[in-house]
Amino acid sequence: MKPVIISIIFISIGLFWPIMGEAKGEELYENYYLYLGNYPQDREITMSEQIQGVTHDDTCWFFTQRETLWKIPVWYDLNRECRCDEEPISCVQMSDIEELSGYNHFGDLSYYKYGSEGYLFVPVEGSNPSIIAVFAVSDWHFVGKEYVDDRQQNHASWCSVTDSDNPNWLYLYSCAWEDVGSLQRYLIHLPSLADDTLIMNYDEDIVLFDESWNLYEMDYVQGGCFSPGGRYLYTSNGNCQDDCDCGIHVFEKTTSGFQLVRSSEQDNYPFKYEYHPSWTCGEEPEGLTIWDLSDGRAPNISGQFHAIMFSDEVDQDDMYFKHYTNTILVDPYNAGGNEYGTPDEPFATVSGAYNYAWNGSRINIKAGTYPESLTFSKRLQLFGTNGTATIVNAGRVSLTNSGTINIYTDGVIKIY
């Protein structure tokens, strides 16, 4: 990437601020690596027992346990006890669905709205072969099921959907459990869903690569979801007993396959994902989803990327719900201490945030004066809040509220 040097620029900003990235075909800022914390944390409730997956629509969470599918409003405090028979929560039990007889395991699920109806695509295991089941969200009715391809070795621990080039068809991705070097992609016929018919056809295998374009494999894949623009695939893998190259992995969609661009670390910021397997069965990564909750409507939850971990206990499993953002905060009045770019520990300088940033992140620069020079060679989005932020040394860059600078892969700067 060509470096871009900002020297003398004064910016008159309009009122445009893309929250989750730009329109398709342009750069997307959807790399959610900055760890914000857990909520709930180490919590034992009815839903935490063998919790498996998570997704959402515009107003509700959807969680899976091994044999229960939950719907919980976003405004409900997830740290509270929740029960299937109490409003505003509702559930579906696998045992109540005749078509799922013989199965015993819901996996990490995915949501898609088509027309006026929302649909849940749920992987189901416990009998061979595994299946993808579909439910209509409005009244929980069962739409249909289809078997996964033999390449998945009779496993379906997760699935995730994203748009295809044809508006009548939807891509669905899933994979095997161990020795995963490729993902299986299926085509879902969308108009048939309205007739309570699931038509799902195997399409092709999509190969995984590491950062150096070598073939890449994962074990114990538990969850997966796509970023809103479809450019990035987030996966979780690991089980409660075995150490492996486990945690969260982020892949970028390319014409050749999915290339690994980032992996979480056990103890280190920004992409911290701490979990501890043990021979007696300890903690285990599970499902994940992307939902922008920076507006405060979810009690004690913020950020855009959300990942489940549970601790396998004898009497009751403990739930950890980890949250991440792509936005690094800068506040010139942060007097010292730790600087991680989080609301409680922002960076005091733009250069500090920039050095910490990654391709696809955003830097929120609070009002104030920053006497520093900057050279940009990463794909970033910069924006100002709470007044005017001025970066001044030999030249000057000023960002008012809702002002945005997008720095593109090829070094181009776009100013809004």
Protein backbone atom coordinates (compact mmCIF):
# COMPACT_ATOMS: atom_id res chain seq x y z
CA MET A 1 0.00 0.00 0.00
CA LYS A 2 1.27 3.45 -0.86
CA PRO A 3 1.80 5.72 2.15
CA VAL A 4 -0.33 8.84 2.26
CA ILE A 5 1.05 11.97 3.90
CA ILE A 6 -1.29 14.69 5.09
CA SER A 7 0.49 18.03 5.23
CA ILE A 8 -1.70 21.13 4.90
CA ILE A 9 -5.42 20.48 4.62
CA PHE A 10 -8.36 22.39 6.04
CA ILE A 11 -11.59 20.45 5.81
CA SER A 12 -15.09 21.87 5.64
CA ILE A 13 -17.22 18.94 6.70
CA GLY A 14 -20.78 18.04 5.71
CA LEU A 15 -23.19 15.98 7.80
CA PHE A 16 -22.37 12.49 6.59
CA TRP A 17 -21.14 9.70 8.83
CA PRO A 18 -21.28 6.08 7.66
CA ILE A 19 -21.61 3.97 10.80
CA MET A 20 -20.88 0.44 9.60
CA GLY A 21 -18.95 1.03 6.37
CA GLU A 22 -19.88 2.24 2.93
CA ALA A 23 -21.90 0.98 0.04
CA LYS A 24 -20.88 -2.25 -1.66
CA GLY A 25 -17.98 -1.84 -4.04
CA GLU A 26 -16.26 0.72 -1.81
CA GLU A 27 -13.96 0.24 1.15
CA LEU A 28 -15.48 -1.34 4.25
CA TYR A 29 -14.33 -0.69 7.80
CA GLU A 30 -15.57 -3.89 9.42
CA ASN A 31 -12.61 -5.31 11.30
CA TYR A 32 -13.81 -5.56 14.88
CA TYR A 33 -10.69 -6.42 16.86
CA LEU A 34 -10.70 -4.13 19.89
CA TYR A 35 -11.82 -6.06 22.98
CA LEU A 36 -14.24 -4.17 25.23
CA GLY A 37 -14.96 -6.80 27.91
CA ASN A 38 -17.50 -9.46 28.93
CA TYR A 39 -21.18 -9.04 29.72
CA PRO A 40 -22.56 -11.26 31.11
CA GLN A 41 -19.43 -12.62 32.73
CA ASP A 42 -19.15 -15.92 34.59
CA ARG A 43 -22.96 -16.04 34.80
CA GLU A 44 -25.05 -19.11 35.58
CA ILE A 45 -28.61 -18.84 34.24
CA THR A 46 -31.00 -21.24 32.54
CA MET A 47 -29.86 -20.14 29.08
CA SER A 48 -26.15 -20.58 29.85
CA GLU A 49 -26.38 -24.38 30.09
CA GLN A 50 -24.68 -25.74 26.93
CA ILE A 51 -25.19 -22.45 25.09
CA GLN A 52 -24.13 -22.86 21.46
CA GLY A 53 -24.94 -19.99 19.13
CA VAL A 54 -26.14 -16.41 18.69
CA THR A 55 -27.58 -14.19 15.96
CA HIS A 56 -30.10 -11.33 15.79
CA ASP A 57 -32.71 -9.43 13.81
CA ASP A 58 -33.39 -5.69 14.19
CA THR A 59 -34.81 -5.95 17.72
CA CYS A 60 -34.00 -9.34 19.28
CA TRP A 61 -31.23 -11.76 20.12
CA PHE A 62 -31.57 -15.41 19.08
CA PHE A 63 -29.56 -17.94 21.08
CA THR A 64 -29.27 -21.70 20.80
CA GLN A 65 -28.66 -24.26 23.49
CA ARG A 66 -28.20 -27.89 22.54
CA GLU A 67 -31.97 -28.45 22.24
CA THR A 68 -33.55 -25.01 22.74
CA LEU A 69 -33.88 -21.95 20.50
CA TRP A 70 -34.37 -18.63 22.35
CA LYS A 71 -35.71 -15.22 21.31
CA ILE A 72 -34.88 -12.35 23.70
CA PRO A 73 -35.48 -8.60 23.10
CA VAL A 74 -32.33 -6.51 22.80
CA TRP A 75 -33.45 -4.28 25.70
CA TYR A 76 -33.58 -7.26 28.09
CA ASP A 77 -30.63 -7.43 30.49
CA LEU A 78 -28.86 -10.68 29.61
CA ASN A 79 -27.40 -10.86 33.10
CA ARG A 80 -30.89 -11.53 34.49
CA GLU A 81 -32.45 -14.95 34.76
CA CYS A 82 -34.57 -15.77 31.71
CA ARG A 83 -37.19 -18.49 31.26
CA CYS A 84 -38.96 -19.79 28.18
CA ASP A 85 -42.43 -19.45 29.67
CA GLU A 86 -42.11 -15.81 30.77
CA GLU A 87 -42.80 -12.76 28.61
CA PRO A 88 -41.10 -11.14 26.72
CA ILE A 89 -38.99 -14.25 26.06
CA SER A 90 -40.04 -17.11 23.80
CA CYS A 91 -38.47 -20.47 22.96
CA VAL A 92 -38.70 -23.45 20.65
CA GLN A 93 -37.79 -26.90 21.97
CA MET A 94 -36.26 -29.37 19.53
CA SER A 95 -38.39 -32.14 21.00
CA ASP A 96 -41.53 -30.29 19.84
CA ILE A 97 -40.48 -30.37 16.17
CA GLU A 98 -41.45 -33.71 14.66
CA GLU A 99 -39.15 -33.19 11.68
CA LEU A 100 -36.15 -32.99 14.04
CA SER A 101 -36.78 -36.33 15.75
CA GLY A 102 -33.50 -38.18 16.32
CA TYR A 103 -31.39 -34.99 16.48
CA ASN A 104 -30.04 -33.48 19.70
CA HIS A 105 -27.82 -30.47 18.97
CA PHE A 106 -28.53 -26.99 17.65
CA GLY A 107 -25.40 -25.12 16.51
CA ASP A 108 -24.48 -21.51 15.77
CA LEU A 109 -27.27 -20.02 13.67
CA SER A 110 -27.80 -17.20 11.16
CA TYR A 111 -30.65 -14.76 10.39
CA TYR A 112 -31.85 -13.38 7.05
CA LYS A 113 -34.87 -11.25 6.16
CA TYR A 114 -36.61 -11.91 2.85
CA GLY A 115 -39.69 -9.90 2.00
CA SER A 116 -41.66 -9.24 5.18
CA GLU A 117 -40.47 -12.39 6.98
CA GLY A 118 -37.29 -13.14 8.89
CA TYR A 119 -35.78 -16.61 8.74
CA LEU A 120 -33.41 -18.46 11.06
CA PHE A 121 -31.00 -20.93 9.49
CA VAL A 122 -30.03 -23.40 12.19
CA PRO A 123 -27.46 -26.22 11.88
CA VAL A 124 -28.63 -29.42 13.59
CA GLU A 125 -26.52 -32.45 14.58
CA GLY A 126 -27.03 -35.74 16.43
CA SER A 127 -28.08 -38.00 13.58
CA ASN A 128 -26.36 -38.75 10.28
CA PRO A 129 -26.29 -36.82 8.09
CA SER A 130 -26.56 -33.45 9.82
CA ILE A 131 -29.03 -30.90 8.51
CA ILE A 132 -29.77 -27.21 8.09
CA ALA A 133 -33.23 -26.37 9.51
CA VAL A 134 -35.14 -23.14 8.83
CA PHE A 135 -37.67 -21.39 11.10
CA ALA A 136 -39.86 -18.36 10.35
CA VAL A 137 -39.33 -15.79 13.09
CA SER A 138 -42.82 -14.23 13.09
CA ASP A 139 -44.56 -17.28 14.59
CA TRP A 140 -41.72 -19.80 15.05
CA HIS A 141 -43.14 -22.21 12.48
CA PHE A 142 -40.82 -24.81 10.98
CA VAL A 143 -40.13 -24.14 7.28
CA GLY A 144 -38.01 -27.11 6.26
CA LYS A 145 -34.71 -28.97 6.45
CA GLU A 146 -32.01 -30.16 4.06
CA TYR A 147 -29.02 -32.45 4.53
CA VAL A 148 -25.47 -31.11 4.43
CA ASP A 149 -22.95 -32.38 1.90
CA ASP A 150 -20.75 -35.41 2.65
CA ARG A 151 -17.70 -33.12 2.67
CA GLN A 152 -18.84 -31.96 6.10
CA GLN A 153 -18.27 -35.43 7.57
CA ASN A 154 -21.80 -35.43 8.99
CA HIS A 155 -21.18 -32.27 11.02
CA ALA A 156 -22.94 -28.91 11.04
CA SER A 157 -21.84 -26.99 14.12
CA TRP A 158 -22.46 -23.58 12.52
CA CYS A 159 -23.77 -21.84 9.45
CA SER A 160 -23.76 -18.27 8.16
CA VAL A 161 -25.57 -16.65 5.24
CA THR A 162 -24.66 -13.79 2.94
CA ASP A 163 -25.99 -12.34 -0.31
CA SER A 164 -25.13 -13.90 -3.64
CA ASP A 165 -25.03 -12.12 -7.00
CA ASN A 166 -28.53 -13.42 -7.77
CA PRO A 167 -31.32 -11.81 -5.69
CA ASN A 168 -33.30 -15.08 -5.75
CA TRP A 169 -30.51 -17.08 -4.16
CA LEU A 170 -28.69 -16.81 -0.86
CA TYR A 171 -25.25 -18.22 0.00
CA LEU A 172 -25.03 -20.40 3.11
CA TYR A 173 -21.63 -21.48 4.44
CA SER A 174 -20.79 -24.29 6.86
CA CYS A 175 -18.02 -26.84 7.33
CA ALA A 176 -16.81 -30.00 9.06
CA TRP A 177 -15.67 -30.19 12.68
CA GLU A 178 -12.00 -31.17 12.39
CA ASP A 179 -9.25 -30.79 9.75
CA VAL A 180 -11.14 -27.93 8.14
CA GLY A 181 -9.23 -26.66 5.11
CA SER A 182 -12.25 -25.47 3.19
CA LEU A 183 -15.81 -24.29 3.72
CA GLN A 184 -18.83 -25.76 2.01
CA ARG A 185 -21.02 -23.22 0.24
CA TYR A 186 -24.67 -23.85 -0.53
CA LEU A 187 -27.35 -21.97 -2.48
CA ILE A 188 -30.70 -21.27 -0.80
CA HIS A 189 -33.66 -20.49 -3.07
CA LEU A 190 -35.29 -17.50 -1.37
CA PRO A 191 -38.72 -17.37 -3.08
CA SER A 192 -39.41 -20.96 -1.99
CA LEU A 193 -39.18 -20.03 1.68
CA ALA A 194 -42.45 -18.11 1.41
CA ASP A 195 -44.09 -21.42 0.40
CA ASP A 196 -42.61 -23.18 3.44
CA THR A 197 -40.16 -25.05 1.25
CA LEU A 198 -36.39 -25.15 1.75
CA ILE A 199 -34.40 -25.69 -1.44
CA MET A 200 -30.69 -25.91 -0.61
CA ASN A 201 -28.13 -27.06 -3.18
CA TYR A 202 -24.43 -27.66 -2.66
CA ASP A 203 -22.48 -25.08 -4.68
CA GLU A 204 -18.72 -25.48 -4.11
CA ASP A 205 -15.87 -25.76 -1.62
CA ILE A 206 -14.10 -22.52 -0.68
CA VAL A 207 -10.44 -22.97 0.28
CA LEU A 208 -8.84 -21.37 3.36
CA PHE A 209 -5.41 -19.70 3.24
CA ASP A 210 -3.12 -18.24 5.89
CA GLU A 211 -1.57 -14.75 5.73
CA SER A 212 1.16 -15.98 3.35
CA TRP A 213 -1.28 -17.78 1.01
CA ASN A 214 -0.40 -21.22 2.28
CA LEU A 215 -3.24 -23.69 2.72
CA TYR A 216 -4.73 -23.34 6.20
CA GLU A 217 -6.61 -25.75 8.47
CA MET A 218 -8.69 -25.34 11.64
CA ASP A 219 -10.01 -27.81 14.21
CA TYR A 220 -13.15 -27.76 16.37
CA VAL A 221 -15.00 -25.04 14.44
CA GLN A 222 -17.89 -23.79 16.58
CA GLY A 223 -19.25 -20.61 14.98
CA GLY A 224 -19.12 -18.24 12.05
CA CYS A 225 -20.63 -14.99 10.80
CA PHE A 226 -20.07 -12.49 7.99
CA SER A 227 -19.49 -8.76 8.35
CA PRO A 228 -22.39 -6.61 7.07
CA GLY A 229 -20.69 -5.95 3.74
CA GLY A 230 -19.79 -9.62 3.28
CA ARG A 231 -16.05 -8.91 2.98
CA TYR A 232 -14.96 -10.63 6.21
CA LEU A 233 -15.80 -13.99 7.77
CA TYR A 234 -15.36 -14.37 11.53
CA THR A 235 -14.99 -17.90 12.92
CA SER A 236 -14.56 -19.38 16.39
CA ASN A 237 -12.92 -22.69 17.12
CA GLY A 238 -11.77 -24.75 20.08
CA ASN A 239 -13.18 -27.28 22.51
CA CYS A 240 -13.14 -27.50 26.28
CA GLN A 241 -10.33 -30.07 26.55
CA ASP A 242 -7.69 -29.57 23.87
CA ASP A 243 -5.25 -26.74 23.30
CA CYS A 244 -5.02 -25.77 19.63
CA ASP A 245 -4.67 -22.71 17.43
CA CYS A 246 -8.06 -21.72 18.81
CA GLY A 247 -10.12 -18.64 19.51
CA ILE A 248 -11.40 -16.25 16.85
CA HIS A 249 -10.09 -16.03 13.29
CA VAL A 250 -10.94 -13.38 10.70
CA PHE A 251 -10.79 -14.21 6.99
CA GLU A 252 -11.04 -11.83 4.05
CA LYS A 253 -13.05 -12.94 1.04
CA THR A 254 -10.93 -13.02 -2.13
CA THR A 255 -11.31 -14.42 -5.63
CA SER A 256 -9.14 -17.40 -4.60
CA GLY A 257 -10.81 -18.23 -1.28
CA PHE A 258 -10.79 -16.92 2.27
CA GLN A 259 -7.45 -15.54 3.49
CA LEU A 260 -6.66 -15.25 7.20
CA VAL A 261 -6.02 -11.63 8.20
CA ARG A 262 -6.18 -11.72 12.00
CA SER A 263 -6.34 -14.16 14.93
CA SER A 264 -7.24 -13.46 18.54
CA GLU A 265 -4.71 -13.77 21.35
CA GLN A 266 -5.12 -15.26 24.79
CA ASP A 267 -3.85 -12.33 26.84
CA ASN A 268 -3.02 -9.39 24.58
CA TYR A 269 -4.97 -6.38 23.35
CA PRO A 270 -6.42 -5.38 21.02
CA PHE A 271 -7.81 -8.75 19.87
CA LYS A 272 -8.01 -10.47 23.24
CA TYR A 273 -10.00 -13.69 23.55
CA GLU A 274 -9.15 -15.45 26.79
CA TYR A 275 -10.29 -19.00 27.38
CA HIS A 276 -8.86 -22.01 29.22
CA PRO A 277 -9.46 -25.62 28.18
CA SER A 278 -8.55 -28.41 30.62
CA TRP A 279 -8.50 -32.19 30.73
CA THR A 280 -11.58 -32.16 32.95
CA CYS A 281 -13.39 -30.01 30.36
CA GLY A 282 -13.02 -26.29 30.89
CA GLU A 283 -13.96 -23.25 28.81
CA GLU A 284 -15.09 -23.48 25.19
CA PRO A 285 -15.57 -20.94 22.35
CA GLU A 286 -19.03 -20.99 20.79
CA GLY A 287 -21.17 -18.84 18.48
CA LEU A 288 -20.70 -15.24 17.39
CA THR A 289 -22.53 -12.45 15.59
CA ILE A 290 -22.06 -8.89 14.34
CA TRP A 291 -24.59 -6.27 15.48
CA ASP A 292 -23.89 -2.57 16.00
CA LEU A 293 -24.99 -1.85 19.59
CA SER A 294 -23.03 1.35 20.11
CA ASP A 295 -26.30 3.26 20.67
CA GLY A 296 -26.84 1.91 24.19
CA ARG A 297 -30.06 -0.05 23.58
CA ALA A 298 -28.54 -3.29 24.92
CA PRO A 299 -27.95 -2.99 28.69
CA ASN A 300 -24.21 -2.96 29.48
CA ILE A 301 -23.31 -4.13 25.96
CA SER A 302 -21.63 -2.05 23.25
CA GLY A 303 -19.50 -2.58 20.18
CA GLN A 304 -20.32 -4.45 16.99
CA PHE A 305 -18.88 -7.97 17.30
CA HIS A 306 -20.11 -10.35 20.00
CA ALA A 307 -18.75 -13.82 20.82
CA ILE A 308 -19.94 -16.48 23.28
CA MET A 309 -17.76 -18.61 25.51
CA PHE A 310 -19.03 -20.98 28.15
CA SER A 311 -17.34 -22.81 31.02
CA ASP A 312 -18.40 -26.45 31.25
CA GLU A 313 -19.39 -26.98 34.88
CA VAL A 314 -20.84 -30.04 36.61
CA ASP A 315 -23.97 -28.33 37.96
CA GLN A 316 -24.46 -25.38 35.58
CA ASP A 317 -22.43 -23.88 32.74
CA ASP A 318 -21.14 -20.32 33.12
CA MET A 319 -21.70 -17.87 30.25
CA TYR A 320 -19.19 -15.27 29.05
CA PHE A 321 -20.32 -12.90 26.28
CA LYS A 322 -17.33 -11.06 24.79
CA HIS A 323 -17.72 -7.77 22.90
CA TYR A 324 -15.47 -6.01 20.37
CA THR A 325 -15.42 -2.84 18.28
CA ASN A 326 -13.61 -1.46 15.24
CA THR A 327 -13.46 2.04 16.75
CA ILE A 328 -10.37 3.27 18.60
CA LEU A 329 -11.02 6.29 20.83
CA VAL A 330 -8.72 9.31 21.18
CA ASP A 331 -9.17 11.92 23.92
CA PRO A 332 -6.52 14.65 24.42
CA TYR A 333 -7.56 14.99 28.06
CA ASN A 334 -6.66 11.43 29.00
CA ALA A 335 -4.00 12.22 31.60
CA GLY A 336 -2.21 8.90 31.56
CA GLY A 337 -2.43 5.31 32.65
CA ASN A 338 -3.27 2.53 30.24
CA GLU A 339 -4.11 3.45 26.66
CA TYR A 340 -6.09 0.83 24.76
CA GLY A 341 -8.45 3.00 22.76
CA THR A 342 -11.49 1.93 24.79
CA PRO A 343 -14.02 4.32 26.42
CA ASP A 344 -12.34 3.91 29.81
CA GLU A 345 -8.78 3.97 28.51
CA PRO A 346 -8.57 6.08 25.31
CA PHE A 347 -5.40 7.16 23.60
CA ALA A 348 -4.24 10.73 24.27
CA THR A 349 -2.77 11.19 20.78
CA VAL A 350 -3.90 10.40 17.27
CA SER A 351 -0.50 8.89 16.49
CA GLY A 352 -0.86 6.52 19.45
CA ALA A 353 -4.21 5.34 18.10
CA TYR A 354 -2.81 5.07 14.59
CA ASN A 355 0.12 2.90 15.71
CA TYR A 356 -2.39 0.63 17.48
CA ALA A 357 -4.79 0.50 14.53
CA TRP A 358 -5.20 -2.19 11.89
CA ASN A 359 -6.50 -2.14 8.34
CA GLY A 360 -10.25 -1.70 8.43
CA SER A 361 -10.48 0.09 11.77
CA ARG A 362 -11.91 3.51 12.64
CA ILE A 363 -10.39 6.23 14.84
CA ASN A 364 -12.76 8.46 16.82
CA ILE A 365 -10.96 11.73 17.58
CA LYS A 366 -12.60 13.78 20.33
CA ALA A 367 -12.60 17.56 20.25
CA GLY A 368 -9.30 19.25 21.08
CA THR A 369 -5.94 20.18 19.60
CA TYR A 370 -3.37 17.52 18.72
CA PRO A 371 0.14 19.00 18.06
CA GLU A 372 1.48 16.14 15.95
CA SER A 373 2.34 15.12 12.38
CA LEU A 374 0.83 11.99 10.84
CA THR A 375 1.74 9.73 7.94
CA PHE A 376 -0.96 7.25 6.93
CA SER A 377 -0.20 3.90 5.29
CA LYS A 378 -3.16 1.88 6.61
CA ARG A 379 -6.74 1.59 5.40
CA LEU A 380 -8.61 3.58 8.05
CA GLN A 381 -11.57 5.78 8.75
CA LEU A 382 -11.05 8.90 10.89
CA PHE A 383 -13.88 11.01 12.31
CA GLY A 384 -14.38 13.74 14.90
CA THR A 385 -16.89 14.01 17.77
CA ASN A 386 -17.88 16.42 20.55
CA GLY A 387 -16.79 19.53 18.68
CA THR A 388 -13.77 20.20 16.48
CA ALA A 389 -10.63 18.08 16.60
CA THR A 390 -7.59 19.83 15.10
CA ILE A 391 -4.38 18.03 14.17
CA VAL A 392 -1.80 20.74 13.79
CA ASN A 393 1.97 20.90 13.26
CA ALA A 394 3.35 22.23 9.98
CA GLY A 395 -0.14 22.03 8.52
CA ARG A 396 -3.59 21.39 9.91
CA VAL A 397 -6.44 18.90 9.65
CA SER A 398 -9.72 19.81 11.32
CA LEU A 399 -12.62 17.43 11.87
CA THR A 400 -15.96 18.71 13.12
CA ASN A 401 -18.80 16.55 14.44
CA SER A 402 -19.67 13.87 11.88
CA GLY A 403 -16.67 14.74 9.72
CA THR A 404 -15.03 11.70 8.15
CA ILE A 405 -11.82 10.90 6.28
CA ASN A 406 -11.67 7.50 4.55
CA ILE A 407 -8.23 6.18 3.61
CA TYR A 408 -8.42 3.51 0.93
CA THR A 409 -6.34 0.46 0.12
CA ASP A 410 -4.66 2.18 -2.82
CA GLY A 411 -3.75 5.23 -0.75
CA VAL A 412 -6.60 7.44 -1.91
CA ILE A 413 -8.14 9.78 0.65
CA LYS A 414 -11.87 10.49 0.45
CA ILE A 415 -13.22 13.37 2.56
CA TYR A 416 -16.85 13.79 3.61
